[in-house]
Each structure stands twice: as structure tokens, then as C-alpha cells.
N, C-alpha and C. Protein backbone atom coordinates (compact mmCIF):
# COMPACT_ATOMS: atom_id res chain seq x y z
N MET A 1 244.75 201.29 -170.45
CA MET A 1 244.12 201.01 -171.37
C MET A 1 242.82 202.05 -171.50
N LYS A 2 242.30 203.09 -172.53
CA LYS A 2 241.40 203.74 -172.44
C LYS A 2 239.93 203.06 -172.05
N LYS A 3 238.86 203.44 -171.58
CA LYS A 3 237.76 202.74 -171.44
C LYS A 3 237.12 202.46 -172.83
N GLU A 4 237.15 203.35 -173.74
CA GLU A 4 236.28 203.09 -174.63
C GLU A 4 237.07 201.84 -175.55
N HIS A 5 238.50 201.82 -175.49
CA HIS A 5 238.94 200.55 -175.99
C HIS A 5 238.43 199.07 -175.25
N LYS A 6 238.16 199.50 -173.94
CA LYS A 6 237.97 198.28 -172.98
C LYS A 6 236.38 198.47 -173.58
N LEU A 7 235.55 198.80 -174.13
CA LEU A 7 234.36 198.39 -174.56
C LEU A 7 234.31 197.89 -175.44
N GLU A 8 235.42 198.30 -176.58
CA GLU A 8 235.54 197.30 -177.61
C GLU A 8 235.17 195.96 -177.55
N ASN A 9 236.73 195.72 -176.85
CA ASN A 9 237.29 194.60 -176.39
C ASN A 9 235.65 193.31 -175.72
N GLU A 10 234.93 194.44 -174.85
CA GLU A 10 233.71 193.70 -174.84
C GLU A 10 232.86 192.99 -175.59
N LYS A 11 232.45 194.43 -176.89
CA LYS A 11 231.76 193.74 -177.45
C LYS A 11 232.37 192.41 -178.32
N PHE A 12 233.37 192.65 -178.70
CA PHE A 12 234.27 191.48 -179.19
C PHE A 12 234.12 190.05 -178.41
N PHE A 13 234.37 190.53 -177.49
CA PHE A 13 234.09 188.93 -176.60
C PHE A 13 232.59 188.56 -176.30
N LYS A 14 231.68 189.73 -176.45
CA LYS A 14 230.58 189.16 -176.03
C LYS A 14 229.86 188.66 -177.65
N ALA A 15 229.89 188.83 -178.41
CA ALA A 15 230.29 188.47 -179.86
C ALA A 15 230.71 186.93 -179.79
N ILE A 16 231.67 186.51 -179.48
CA ILE A 16 232.40 185.25 -179.00
C ILE A 16 231.39 184.62 -178.39
N ILE A 17 231.11 184.84 -177.51
CA ILE A 17 230.18 184.44 -176.47
C ILE A 17 228.90 184.04 -177.16
N ARG A 18 228.17 184.98 -177.97
CA ARG A 18 226.86 184.66 -178.68
C ARG A 18 227.04 183.86 -179.42
N HIS A 19 228.15 183.65 -180.54
CA HIS A 19 228.49 182.54 -181.67
C HIS A 19 229.21 181.53 -181.27
N THR A 20 229.33 181.10 -180.19
CA THR A 20 230.00 179.84 -179.85
C THR A 20 229.21 179.07 -178.83
N LYS A 21 228.65 177.69 -179.43
CA LYS A 21 227.87 176.99 -179.14
C LYS A 21 228.53 176.66 -177.27
N ASP A 22 227.36 176.36 -176.58
CA ASP A 22 228.05 176.16 -175.22
C ASP A 22 228.71 174.62 -175.38
N GLY A 23 229.76 174.91 -174.71
CA GLY A 23 231.06 173.35 -174.55
C GLY A 23 231.88 174.12 -175.39
N GLY A 24 231.34 175.14 -176.62
CA GLY A 24 232.75 175.19 -177.37
C GLY A 24 234.06 175.97 -176.95
N ASN A 25 234.71 176.06 -177.66
CA ASN A 25 236.19 176.85 -177.21
C ASN A 25 236.04 178.08 -177.76
N TYR A 26 236.75 178.83 -177.53
CA TYR A 26 237.14 180.04 -177.96
C TYR A 26 239.30 180.18 -177.92
N ILE A 27 239.93 180.13 -179.11
CA ILE A 27 241.41 180.26 -178.73
C ILE A 27 241.80 181.62 -178.88
N TRP A 28 242.48 181.98 -178.25
CA TRP A 28 243.50 183.62 -178.20
C TRP A 28 244.96 183.45 -178.35
N PRO A 29 244.82 182.93 -180.08
CA PRO A 29 246.06 182.58 -180.37
C PRO A 29 247.57 183.51 -180.32
N ASP A 30 247.45 185.19 -179.68
CA ASP A 30 248.40 185.68 -179.58
C ASP A 30 248.71 185.72 -178.16
N GLN A 31 247.45 185.63 -177.19
CA GLN A 31 248.05 184.99 -175.99
C GLN A 31 248.24 183.42 -175.71
N ARG A 32 247.59 182.54 -176.45
CA ARG A 32 248.18 181.06 -176.30
C ARG A 32 247.32 180.61 -174.87
N GLU A 33 246.15 181.47 -174.99
CA GLU A 33 245.33 180.74 -174.12
C GLU A 33 243.86 180.27 -174.58
N ILE A 34 242.87 179.43 -174.08
CA ILE A 34 242.22 178.45 -174.52
C ILE A 34 240.87 178.80 -173.50
N TYR A 35 239.55 179.00 -174.23
CA TYR A 35 238.41 179.53 -172.91
C TYR A 35 237.26 178.78 -173.87
N ILE A 36 236.70 177.91 -172.34
CA ILE A 36 235.54 177.33 -173.01
C ILE A 36 234.10 178.07 -172.53
N ILE A 37 233.21 178.30 -173.47
CA ILE A 37 231.98 179.02 -173.31
C ILE A 37 230.57 178.15 -173.00
N LYS A 38 230.59 178.51 -171.62
CA LYS A 38 229.68 177.74 -171.01
C LYS A 38 228.17 178.31 -170.03
N ASP A 39 227.03 178.37 -170.69
CA ASP A 39 226.03 179.18 -169.99
C ASP A 39 226.06 180.60 -169.86
N GLY A 40 226.78 181.06 -171.75
CA GLY A 40 227.38 182.51 -171.57
C GLY A 40 228.37 182.80 -170.72
N LYS A 41 229.34 182.38 -170.31
CA LYS A 41 230.45 182.96 -169.90
C LYS A 41 231.32 182.70 -170.56
N MET A 42 232.22 182.86 -170.49
CA MET A 42 233.86 182.24 -170.52
C MET A 42 234.51 181.87 -169.62
N ILE A 43 234.98 180.73 -169.19
CA ILE A 43 235.90 179.81 -168.42
C ILE A 43 236.98 180.01 -168.92
N GLY A 44 238.26 180.02 -168.02
CA GLY A 44 239.35 180.11 -168.22
C GLY A 44 240.21 179.62 -167.58
N SER A 45 241.58 179.41 -167.22
CA SER A 45 242.63 179.24 -166.07
C SER A 45 242.75 180.83 -165.30
N LYS A 46 243.23 180.94 -164.40
CA LYS A 46 243.25 181.93 -163.37
C LYS A 46 244.04 183.36 -164.53
N PHE A 47 244.77 182.38 -164.90
CA PHE A 47 245.79 183.45 -165.84
C PHE A 47 245.10 184.16 -166.80
N ALA A 48 244.26 182.98 -167.45
CA ALA A 48 243.69 183.52 -168.71
C ALA A 48 242.53 184.50 -168.12
N ILE A 49 241.86 184.22 -167.28
CA ILE A 49 240.78 185.43 -166.99
C ILE A 49 241.60 186.50 -166.77
N GLU A 50 242.69 186.67 -165.89
CA GLU A 50 243.15 187.77 -165.23
C GLU A 50 243.46 188.50 -167.01
N LYS A 51 244.22 187.94 -167.96
CA LYS A 51 244.31 188.62 -168.69
C LYS A 51 242.80 189.57 -169.86
N LEU A 52 242.16 188.64 -169.45
CA LEU A 52 240.42 189.46 -170.04
C LEU A 52 240.05 190.51 -168.74
N LYS A 53 240.44 190.29 -167.81
CA LYS A 53 240.10 191.46 -167.06
C LYS A 53 241.13 192.47 -167.51
N ASN A 54 242.34 192.31 -167.50
CA ASN A 54 243.01 193.71 -167.89
C ASN A 54 242.64 194.68 -169.24
N ILE A 55 241.91 193.72 -170.13
CA ILE A 55 241.53 194.62 -171.12
C ILE A 55 239.82 194.50 -171.33
N THR A 56 239.29 194.36 -169.97
CA THR A 56 237.68 194.78 -170.44
C THR A 56 237.35 195.63 -168.86
N THR A 57 236.16 196.13 -168.92
CA THR A 57 235.43 196.60 -167.89
C THR A 57 235.15 195.92 -166.42
N GLU A 58 235.10 196.19 -165.53
CA GLU A 58 234.31 195.49 -164.47
C GLU A 58 232.68 195.01 -164.57
N ASP A 59 232.66 195.49 -165.59
CA ASP A 59 231.00 195.70 -166.11
C ASP A 59 230.70 193.87 -166.40
N PHE A 60 231.99 193.63 -167.31
CA PHE A 60 232.11 192.32 -168.11
C PHE A 60 232.71 191.44 -167.30
N HIS A 61 233.44 191.59 -166.29
CA HIS A 61 234.00 190.91 -164.98
C HIS A 61 233.04 189.44 -164.69
N ASN A 62 231.73 189.91 -165.05
CA ASN A 62 230.52 188.78 -164.59
C ASN A 62 230.48 187.93 -165.36
N PHE A 63 231.07 187.64 -166.84
CA PHE A 63 230.99 187.12 -167.72
C PHE A 63 232.07 186.05 -167.99
N LEU A 64 232.80 186.02 -166.61
CA LEU A 64 234.28 185.43 -166.74
C LEU A 64 234.29 184.45 -165.43
N VAL A 65 234.59 183.42 -165.38
CA VAL A 65 234.96 182.50 -164.73
C VAL A 65 236.23 181.60 -164.66
N VAL A 66 236.83 181.33 -163.28
CA VAL A 66 238.04 180.63 -163.07
C VAL A 66 237.47 179.05 -163.10
N SER A 67 238.24 178.30 -164.18
CA SER A 67 238.08 176.93 -164.13
C SER A 67 239.12 176.46 -162.52
N ASN A 68 238.26 175.66 -162.55
CA ASN A 68 238.58 174.33 -160.93
C ASN A 68 239.99 173.71 -161.59
């Protein structure tokens, strides 16, 4: 995936983080993944986080947390 596409994906997910209340959920229907928004980060399963890492740049990975 080209860097400009990854940057556009980051803009989208940063907007999700900004507009979702702390403790709220984001559901990615196409991928059947659920993320919890907490403290300005997206929390999800290891598999869910890997999906996001594949479509965003390394700078955005600081906003991603694998759930326990």
C-alpha cells in the first residue's frame, strides 16, 4: 500500500479516536473487528491491531494497543 493511502487511513482512524468517547467502541464491519477507544488509543486483539498496522504508517502505531 502506498504511503499516501496509509496517511489517509491514519486521518480516518484519528478522527474515530477523537469522536468516540473514552471507553466507546469502534466496529470495523468489513474486517469483523471491534476496538475500544481509551486514553486516545485504539485497543484490540493482537490480530485486530495487526490489521491496522498493515494499513497505517509506523507513526500511527503509537495509537494502537493489544488487549490483554
